[in-house]
Amino acid sequence: HAAWIGRELGDLLKPFEADERVAEVRRIGTMTGIEVVPHGERTGFRICVAARELGVITRPLGDVVILMPPLGITQPDLEQLVAAVRHGMDVVYA
């Protein structure tokens, strides 16, 4: 299941690689770091707070938003995780 998560997450994150707000997407297995271009103070933290509004818990490390999906995650939940990060970015960069 971990290999499936890695593949699906990689596919869902492809649009982030072309997003001008994203400096880099780094992944090892299912663990992912989305480094965002700074936009004011504590950009990563503010994105994580906005993502939490949609029920998703992520971890900020400076301007990197860390995703660590549980091994039992489902396709709809994986899609919600990525959508919540996108929502967080939309809120912060608005």
C-alpha atoms as a PDB file:
ATOM      1  CA  HIS A   1       0.000   0.000   0.000  1.00  0.00           C
ATOM      2  CA  ALA A   2       2.915   2.376   0.665  1.00  0.00           C
ATOM      3  CA  ALA A   3       4.061   2.071  -2.953  1.00  0.00           C
ATOM      4  CA  TRP A   4       0.535   2.902  -4.127  1.00  0.00           C
ATOM      5  CA  ILE A   5       0.422   5.969  -1.863  1.00  0.00           C
ATOM      6  CA  GLY A   6       3.760   7.131  -3.236  1.00  0.00           C
ATOM      7  CA  ARG A   7       2.611   6.784  -6.845  1.00  0.00           C
ATOM      8  CA  GLU A   8      -0.768   8.431  -6.263  1.00  0.00           C
ATOM      9  CA  LEU A   9       0.695  11.267  -4.225  1.00  0.00           C
ATOM     10  CA  GLY A  10       3.316  11.873  -6.902  1.00  0.00           C
ATOM     11  CA  ASP A  11       0.604  12.110  -9.550  1.00  0.00           C
ATOM     12  CA  LEU A  12      -1.526  14.451  -7.433  1.00  0.00           C
ATOM     13  CA  LEU A  13       1.455  16.725  -6.730  1.00  0.00           C
ATOM     14  CA  LYS A  14       2.602  17.105 -10.355  1.00  0.00           C
ATOM     15  CA  PRO A  15       0.657  20.380 -10.822  1.00  0.00           C
ATOM     16  CA  PHE A  16       2.510  21.829  -7.811  1.00  0.00           C
ATOM     17  CA  GLU A  17       5.817  21.498  -9.681  1.00  0.00           C
ATOM     18  CA  ALA A  18       4.613  24.054 -12.259  1.00  0.00           C
ATOM     19  CA  ASP A  19       3.073  26.388  -9.658  1.00  0.00           C
ATOM     20  CA  GLU A  20       5.041  29.641  -9.390  1.00  0.00           C
ATOM     21  CA  ARG A  21       4.364  29.694  -5.636  1.00  0.00           C
ATOM     22  CA  VAL A  22       6.278  26.422  -5.206  1.00  0.00           C
ATOM     23  CA  ALA A  23      10.075  26.459  -5.163  1.00  0.00           C
ATOM     24  CA  GLU A  24      10.466  22.665  -5.029  1.00  0.00           C
ATOM     25  CA  VAL A  25       8.601  19.452  -4.264  1.00  0.00           C
ATOM     26  CA  ARG A  26      10.759  16.837  -2.502  1.00  0.00           C
ATOM     27  CA  ARG A  27       9.652  13.287  -1.786  1.00  0.00           C
ATOM     28  CA  ILE A  28      11.003  10.154  -0.175  1.00  0.00           C
ATOM     29  CA  GLY A  29       8.440   7.396  -0.375  1.00  0.00           C
ATOM     30  CA  THR A  30       5.242   8.797   1.079  1.00  0.00           C
ATOM     31  CA  MET A  31       6.900  11.684   2.951  1.00  0.00           C
ATOM     32  CA  THR A  32       6.692  14.927   0.991  1.00  0.00           C
ATOM     33  CA  GLY A  33       8.033  18.432   1.448  1.00  0.00           C
ATOM     34  CA  ILE A  34       6.541  21.264  -0.575  1.00  0.00           C
ATOM     35  CA  GLU A  35       8.897  24.229  -0.382  1.00  0.00           C
ATOM     36  CA  VAL A  36       6.947  27.393  -1.045  1.00  0.00           C
ATOM     37  CA  VAL A  37       8.199  30.779  -2.151  1.00  0.00           C
ATOM     38  CA  PRO A  38       8.103  33.078   0.895  1.00  0.00           C
ATOM     39  CA  HIS A  39       5.131  35.454   0.920  1.00  0.00           C
ATOM     40  CA  GLY A  40       5.296  37.560   4.044  1.00  0.00           C
ATOM     41  CA  GLU A  41       6.206  35.999   7.372  1.00  0.00           C
ATOM     42  CA  ARG A  42       5.771  32.327   8.271  1.00  0.00           C
ATOM     43  CA  THR A  43       4.373  31.337   4.890  1.00  0.00           C
ATOM     44  CA  GLY A  44       4.548  27.591   5.503  1.00  0.00           C
ATOM     45  CA  PHE A  45       2.904  27.921   8.903  1.00  0.00           C
ATOM     46  CA  ARG A  46       0.057  30.022   7.514  1.00  0.00           C
ATOM     47  CA  ILE A  47      -0.549  27.502   4.709  1.00  0.00           C
ATOM     48  CA  CYS A  48      -0.768  24.700   7.285  1.00  0.00           C
ATOM     49  CA  VAL A  49      -3.233  26.693   9.405  1.00  0.00           C
ATOM     50  CA  ALA A  50      -5.439  27.313   6.367  1.00  0.00           C
ATOM     51  CA  ALA A  51      -5.252  23.623   5.372  1.00  0.00           C
ATOM     52  CA  ARG A  52      -6.396  22.697   8.869  1.00  0.00           C
ATOM     53  CA  GLU A  53      -9.658  24.568   8.162  1.00  0.00           C
ATOM     54  CA  LEU A  54     -10.442  21.654   5.813  1.00  0.00           C
ATOM     55  CA  GLY A  55      -9.587  19.042   8.440  1.00  0.00           C
ATOM     56  CA  VAL A  56      -6.074  18.260   7.249  1.00  0.00           C
ATOM     57  CA  ILE A  57      -3.050  18.318   9.538  1.00  0.00           C
ATOM     58  CA  THR A  58       0.264  19.175   7.903  1.00  0.00           C
ATOM     59  CA  ARG A  59       3.557  20.265   9.428  1.00  0.00           C
ATOM     60  CA  PRO A  60       5.419  23.456   8.624  1.00  0.00           C
ATOM     61  CA  LEU A  61       9.211  23.504   8.670  1.00  0.00           C
ATOM     62  CA  GLY A  62      10.040  27.079   7.757  1.00  0.00           C
ATOM     63  CA  ASP A  63       8.735  27.556   4.241  1.00  0.00           C
ATOM     64  CA  VAL A  64       8.327  23.812   3.667  1.00  0.00           C
ATOM     65  CA  VAL A  65       4.926  22.170   4.128  1.00  0.00           C
ATOM     66  CA  ILE A  66       5.415  18.549   5.186  1.00  0.00           C
ATOM     67  CA  LEU A  67       2.906  15.853   4.213  1.00  0.00           C
ATOM     68  CA  MET A  68       3.089  12.467   5.938  1.00  0.00           C
ATOM     69  CA  PRO A  69      -0.033  10.524   4.980  1.00  0.00           C
ATOM     70  CA  PRO A  70      -0.889   7.499   7.121  1.00  0.00           C
ATOM     71  CA  LEU A  71      -0.375   4.114   5.503  1.00  0.00           C
ATOM     72  CA  GLY A  72      -4.105   3.396   5.640  1.00  0.00           C
ATOM     73  CA  ILE A  73      -5.081   6.517   3.697  1.00  0.00           C
ATOM     74  CA  THR A  74      -7.731   6.141   1.002  1.00  0.00           C
ATOM     75  CA  GLN A  75      -7.817   7.738  -2.447  1.00  0.00           C
ATOM     76  CA  PRO A  76     -10.482  10.306  -1.432  1.00  0.00           C
ATOM     77  CA  ASP A  77      -8.500  11.247   1.689  1.00  0.00           C
ATOM     78  CA  LEU A  78      -5.297  11.575  -0.335  1.00  0.00           C
ATOM     79  CA  GLU A  79      -7.107  13.881  -2.736  1.00  0.00           C
ATOM     80  CA  GLN A  80      -8.445  15.882   0.228  1.00  0.00           C
ATOM     81  CA  LEU A  81      -4.913  16.205   1.637  1.00  0.00           C
ATOM     82  CA  VAL A  82      -3.579  17.684  -1.584  1.00  0.00           C
ATOM     83  CA  ALA A  83      -6.663  19.882  -2.092  1.00  0.00           C
ATOM     84  CA  ALA A  84      -6.292  21.259   1.437  1.00  0.00           C
ATOM     85  CA  VAL A  85      -2.686  22.261   0.787  1.00  0.00           C
ATOM     86  CA  ARG A  86      -3.771  23.924  -2.457  1.00  0.00           C
ATOM     87  CA  HIS A  87      -6.511  25.735  -0.477  1.00  0.00           C
ATOM     88  CA  GLY A  88      -3.931  26.860   2.075  1.00  0.00           C
ATOM     89  CA  MET A  89      -1.724  28.251  -0.658  1.00  0.00           C
ATOM     90  CA  ASP A  90      -4.669  30.035  -2.277  1.00  0.00           C
ATOM     91  CA  VAL A  91      -5.581  31.652   1.059  1.00  0.00           C
ATOM     92  CA  VAL A  92      -2.034  32.754   1.895  1.00  0.00           C
ATOM     93  CA  TYR A  93      -1.137  34.054  -1.563  1.00  0.00           C
ATOM     94  CA  ALA A  94      -4.494  35.826  -2.158  1.00  0.00           C
END
